[in-house]
């Protein structure tokens, strides 16, 4: 007899943080996205480069007892018999 186990992780609206950083110098705008274009190969080709800085992380809080808790997350496990 076999059992199939499946896990679903549901993230609520406050379970994920999206952060943006600066790429480039503040004097040039310093946004989280920038594009650069220049001619290369004796000005026969135009080269493009893109810089992009951001990241995602799941939000966690440390409780007063020292335990780290997830925020806005629910895990649902399902086990189904093969018969």
N, C-alpha and C. Protein backbone atom coordinates (compact mmCIF):
# COMPACT_ATOMS: atom_id res chain seq x y z
N UNK A 1 0.85 -1.18 0.00
CA UNK A 1 0.00 0.00 0.00
C UNK A 1 0.90 1.25 0.00
N UNK A 2 0.61 2.17 -0.89
CA UNK A 2 1.40 3.41 -0.96
C UNK A 2 0.52 4.60 -0.63
N UNK A 3 1.17 5.63 -0.18
CA UNK A 3 0.47 6.87 0.16
C UNK A 3 1.16 8.03 -0.53
N UNK A 4 0.37 8.85 -1.19
CA UNK A 4 0.89 10.06 -1.83
C UNK A 4 0.69 11.23 -0.89
N UNK A 5 1.75 11.98 -0.65
CA UNK A 5 1.68 13.13 0.24
C UNK A 5 2.00 14.39 -0.56
N UNK A 6 1.19 15.40 -0.38
CA UNK A 6 1.38 16.66 -1.10
C UNK A 6 1.32 17.80 -0.10
N UNK A 7 2.14 18.83 -0.32
CA UNK A 7 2.16 19.99 0.58
C UNK A 7 1.91 21.25 -0.22
N UNK A 8 1.01 22.08 0.29
CA UNK A 8 0.73 23.39 -0.32
C UNK A 8 1.08 24.46 0.72
N UNK A 9 1.77 25.48 0.28
CA UNK A 9 2.11 26.61 1.16
C UNK A 9 1.39 27.84 0.62
N UNK A 10 0.51 28.39 1.41
CA UNK A 10 -0.27 29.56 1.01
C UNK A 10 0.30 30.79 1.70
N UNK A 11 0.64 31.80 0.91
CA UNK A 11 1.20 33.04 1.45
C UNK A 11 0.13 34.13 1.41
N UNK A 12 -0.11 34.74 2.55
CA UNK A 12 -1.04 35.86 2.62
C UNK A 12 -0.41 37.14 2.07
N UNK A 13 -1.20 38.18 2.01
CA UNK A 13 -0.75 39.44 1.43
C UNK A 13 0.40 40.10 2.16
N UNK A 14 0.59 39.79 3.45
CA UNK A 14 1.67 40.40 4.23
C UNK A 14 2.79 39.42 4.52
N UNK A 15 2.85 38.30 3.81
CA UNK A 15 3.86 37.29 4.09
C UNK A 15 5.13 37.49 3.29
N UNK A 16 5.10 38.36 2.31
CA UNK A 16 6.25 38.54 1.42
C UNK A 16 6.62 40.01 1.34
N UNK A 17 7.91 40.29 1.47
CA UNK A 17 8.41 41.66 1.35
C UNK A 17 9.18 41.79 0.05
N UNK A 18 8.98 42.87 -0.65
CA UNK A 18 9.69 43.15 -1.89
C UNK A 18 10.49 44.43 -1.68
N UNK A 19 11.81 44.34 -1.79
CA UNK A 19 12.67 45.49 -1.51
C UNK A 19 13.44 45.89 -2.76
N UNK A 20 13.65 47.17 -2.92
CA UNK A 20 14.41 47.70 -4.03
C UNK A 20 15.62 48.45 -3.51
N UNK A 21 16.75 48.28 -4.17
CA UNK A 21 17.96 49.00 -3.81
C UNK A 21 18.37 49.91 -4.94
N UNK A 22 19.44 50.62 -4.73
CA UNK A 22 19.95 51.53 -5.76
C UNK A 22 21.03 50.86 -6.58
N UNK A 23 20.94 51.04 -7.87
CA UNK A 23 22.03 50.63 -8.75
C UNK A 23 22.54 51.90 -9.41
N UNK A 24 23.77 52.19 -9.23
CA UNK A 24 24.32 53.43 -9.77
C UNK A 24 24.48 54.48 -8.69
N UNK A 25 24.99 55.60 -9.09
CA UNK A 25 25.28 56.67 -8.15
C UNK A 25 24.07 57.57 -7.96
N UNK A 26 23.95 58.11 -6.77
CA UNK A 26 22.83 58.98 -6.45
C UNK A 26 22.79 60.21 -7.36
N UNK A 27 23.95 60.72 -7.72
CA UNK A 27 24.02 61.91 -8.59
C UNK A 27 23.43 61.64 -9.97
N UNK A 28 23.44 60.37 -10.41
CA UNK A 28 22.90 60.01 -11.72
C UNK A 28 21.47 59.48 -11.62
N UNK A 29 20.83 59.68 -10.49
CA UNK A 29 19.45 59.21 -10.31
C UNK A 29 19.36 58.08 -9.32
N UNK A 30 20.27 57.11 -9.41
CA UNK A 30 20.35 56.01 -8.45
C UNK A 30 19.07 55.23 -8.27
N UNK A 31 18.37 54.92 -9.35
CA UNK A 31 17.13 54.16 -9.25
C UNK A 31 17.42 52.67 -9.17
N UNK A 32 16.37 51.85 -8.92
CA UNK A 32 16.56 50.41 -8.82
C UNK A 32 16.70 49.75 -10.20
N UNK A 33 16.49 50.50 -11.25
CA UNK A 33 16.63 50.00 -12.60
C UNK A 33 17.31 51.07 -13.46
N UNK A 34 18.30 50.66 -14.25
CA UNK A 34 18.92 51.61 -15.18
C UNK A 34 19.41 50.86 -16.41
N UNK A 35 19.54 51.59 -17.50
CA UNK A 35 19.99 51.01 -18.76
C UNK A 35 21.10 51.88 -19.32
N UNK A 36 22.08 51.23 -19.92
CA UNK A 36 23.22 51.94 -20.50
C UNK A 36 23.37 51.47 -21.95
N UNK A 37 23.68 52.41 -22.83
CA UNK A 37 23.86 52.11 -24.25
C UNK A 37 25.15 52.76 -24.74
N UNK A 38 25.96 52.01 -25.47
CA UNK A 38 27.18 52.59 -26.03
C UNK A 38 27.57 51.86 -27.31
N UNK A 39 28.27 52.56 -28.18
CA UNK A 39 28.74 51.97 -29.43
C UNK A 39 30.07 51.27 -29.19
N UNK A 40 30.22 50.06 -29.78
CA UNK A 40 31.45 49.28 -29.66
C UNK A 40 31.87 48.80 -31.05
N UNK A 41 32.97 48.07 -31.11
CA UNK A 41 33.47 47.50 -32.37
C UNK A 41 33.63 48.60 -33.43
N UNK A 42 34.42 49.61 -33.08
CA UNK A 42 34.68 50.74 -33.99
C UNK A 42 33.39 51.41 -34.44
N UNK A 43 32.44 51.52 -33.49
CA UNK A 43 31.13 52.16 -33.69
C UNK A 43 30.27 51.46 -34.74
N UNK A 44 30.45 50.15 -34.90
CA UNK A 44 29.62 49.37 -35.82
C UNK A 44 28.45 48.67 -35.10
N UNK A 45 28.55 48.55 -33.80
CA UNK A 45 27.53 47.83 -33.03
C UNK A 45 27.14 48.66 -31.82
N UNK A 46 25.83 48.64 -31.49
CA UNK A 46 25.37 49.30 -30.27
C UNK A 46 25.18 48.22 -29.20
N UNK A 47 25.80 48.42 -28.06
CA UNK A 47 25.72 47.46 -26.95
C UNK A 47 24.84 48.04 -25.85
N UNK A 48 23.95 47.20 -25.31
CA UNK A 48 23.05 47.61 -24.23
C UNK A 48 23.38 46.81 -22.98
N UNK A 49 23.35 47.46 -21.85
CA UNK A 49 23.49 46.74 -20.57
C UNK A 49 22.43 47.28 -19.60
N UNK A 50 21.95 46.40 -18.75
CA UNK A 50 20.88 46.74 -17.80
C UNK A 50 21.36 46.38 -16.39
N UNK A 51 21.10 47.26 -15.44
CA UNK A 51 21.33 46.93 -14.04
C UNK A 51 20.00 47.04 -13.30
N UNK A 52 19.75 46.05 -12.47
CA UNK A 52 18.47 45.98 -11.78
C UNK A 52 18.71 45.41 -10.40
N UNK A 53 18.20 46.07 -9.38
CA UNK A 53 18.44 45.61 -8.02
C UNK A 53 17.12 45.54 -7.27
N UNK A 54 16.74 44.33 -6.88
CA UNK A 54 15.60 44.14 -5.98
C UNK A 54 15.70 42.76 -5.37
N UNK A 55 14.87 42.47 -4.43
CA UNK A 55 14.88 41.17 -3.79
C UNK A 55 13.57 40.91 -3.07
N UNK A 56 13.31 39.65 -2.82
CA UNK A 56 12.10 39.25 -2.12
C UNK A 56 12.49 38.40 -0.91
N UNK A 57 11.75 38.52 0.16
CA UNK A 57 12.00 37.73 1.37
C UNK A 57 10.69 37.49 2.09
N UNK A 58 10.59 36.35 2.71
CA UNK A 58 9.43 36.03 3.52
C UNK A 58 9.59 36.70 4.89
N UNK A 59 8.53 37.29 5.38
CA UNK A 59 8.59 38.03 6.64
C UNK A 59 8.51 37.06 7.81
N UNK A 60 9.43 37.23 8.77
CA UNK A 60 9.46 36.42 9.98
C UNK A 60 9.70 37.34 11.17
N UNK A 61 9.10 36.98 12.31
CA UNK A 61 9.26 37.75 13.53
C UNK A 61 9.76 36.87 14.66
N UNK A 62 10.62 37.41 15.49
CA UNK A 62 11.11 36.69 16.66
C UNK A 62 10.20 37.00 17.84
N UNK A 63 9.63 35.96 18.44
CA UNK A 63 8.73 36.13 19.58
C UNK A 63 9.49 36.43 20.85
N UNK A 64 8.77 36.73 21.92
CA UNK A 64 9.40 37.04 23.20
C UNK A 64 10.10 35.83 23.80
N UNK A 65 9.70 34.62 23.37
CA UNK A 65 10.34 33.41 23.87
C UNK A 65 11.56 33.01 23.03
N UNK A 66 11.89 33.82 22.02
CA UNK A 66 13.04 33.55 21.16
C UNK A 66 12.74 32.73 19.92
N UNK A 67 11.52 32.19 19.84
CA UNK A 67 11.13 31.39 18.68
C UNK A 67 10.84 32.29 17.49
N UNK A 68 11.32 31.90 16.31
CA UNK A 68 11.07 32.67 15.09
C UNK A 68 9.78 32.16 14.45
N UNK A 69 8.84 33.07 14.21
CA UNK A 69 7.52 32.72 13.67
C UNK A 69 7.34 33.31 12.28
N UNK A 70 6.68 32.55 11.44
CA UNK A 70 6.29 33.06 10.12
C UNK A 70 5.07 33.94 10.28
N UNK A 71 4.88 34.86 9.35
CA UNK A 71 3.73 35.76 9.40
C UNK A 71 2.94 35.62 8.10
N UNK A 72 1.65 35.35 8.20
CA UNK A 72 0.80 35.29 7.03
C UNK A 72 0.97 34.04 6.18
N UNK A 73 1.36 32.91 6.81
CA UNK A 73 1.63 31.68 6.06
C UNK A 73 0.80 30.54 6.63
N UNK A 74 0.25 29.72 5.72
CA UNK A 74 -0.47 28.53 6.13
C UNK A 74 0.04 27.35 5.30
N UNK A 75 0.30 26.23 5.95
CA UNK A 75 0.75 25.02 5.26
C UNK A 75 -0.37 23.99 5.34
N UNK A 76 -0.67 23.38 4.18
CA UNK A 76 -1.74 22.38 4.11
C UNK A 76 -1.16 21.10 3.55
N UNK A 77 -1.11 20.05 4.35
CA UNK A 77 -0.61 18.73 3.91
C UNK A 77 -1.79 17.82 3.61
N UNK A 78 -1.67 17.06 2.52
CA UNK A 78 -2.70 16.11 2.12
C UNK A 78 -2.05 14.76 1.91
N UNK A 79 -2.64 13.70 2.49
CA UNK A 79 -2.17 12.33 2.31
C UNK A 79 -3.32 11.51 1.70
N UNK A 80 -3.03 10.83 0.57
CA UNK A 80 -4.04 10.05 -0.13
C UNK A 80 -3.54 8.63 -0.29
N UNK A 81 -4.35 7.67 0.11
CA UNK A 81 -3.99 6.26 -0.02
C UNK A 81 -4.04 5.85 -1.48
N UNK A 82 -3.14 4.92 -1.86
CA UNK A 82 -3.07 4.45 -3.25
C UNK A 82 -4.14 3.44 -3.60
N UNK A 83 -4.96 3.00 -2.66
CA UNK A 83 -6.01 2.00 -2.94
C UNK A 83 -7.27 2.60 -3.46
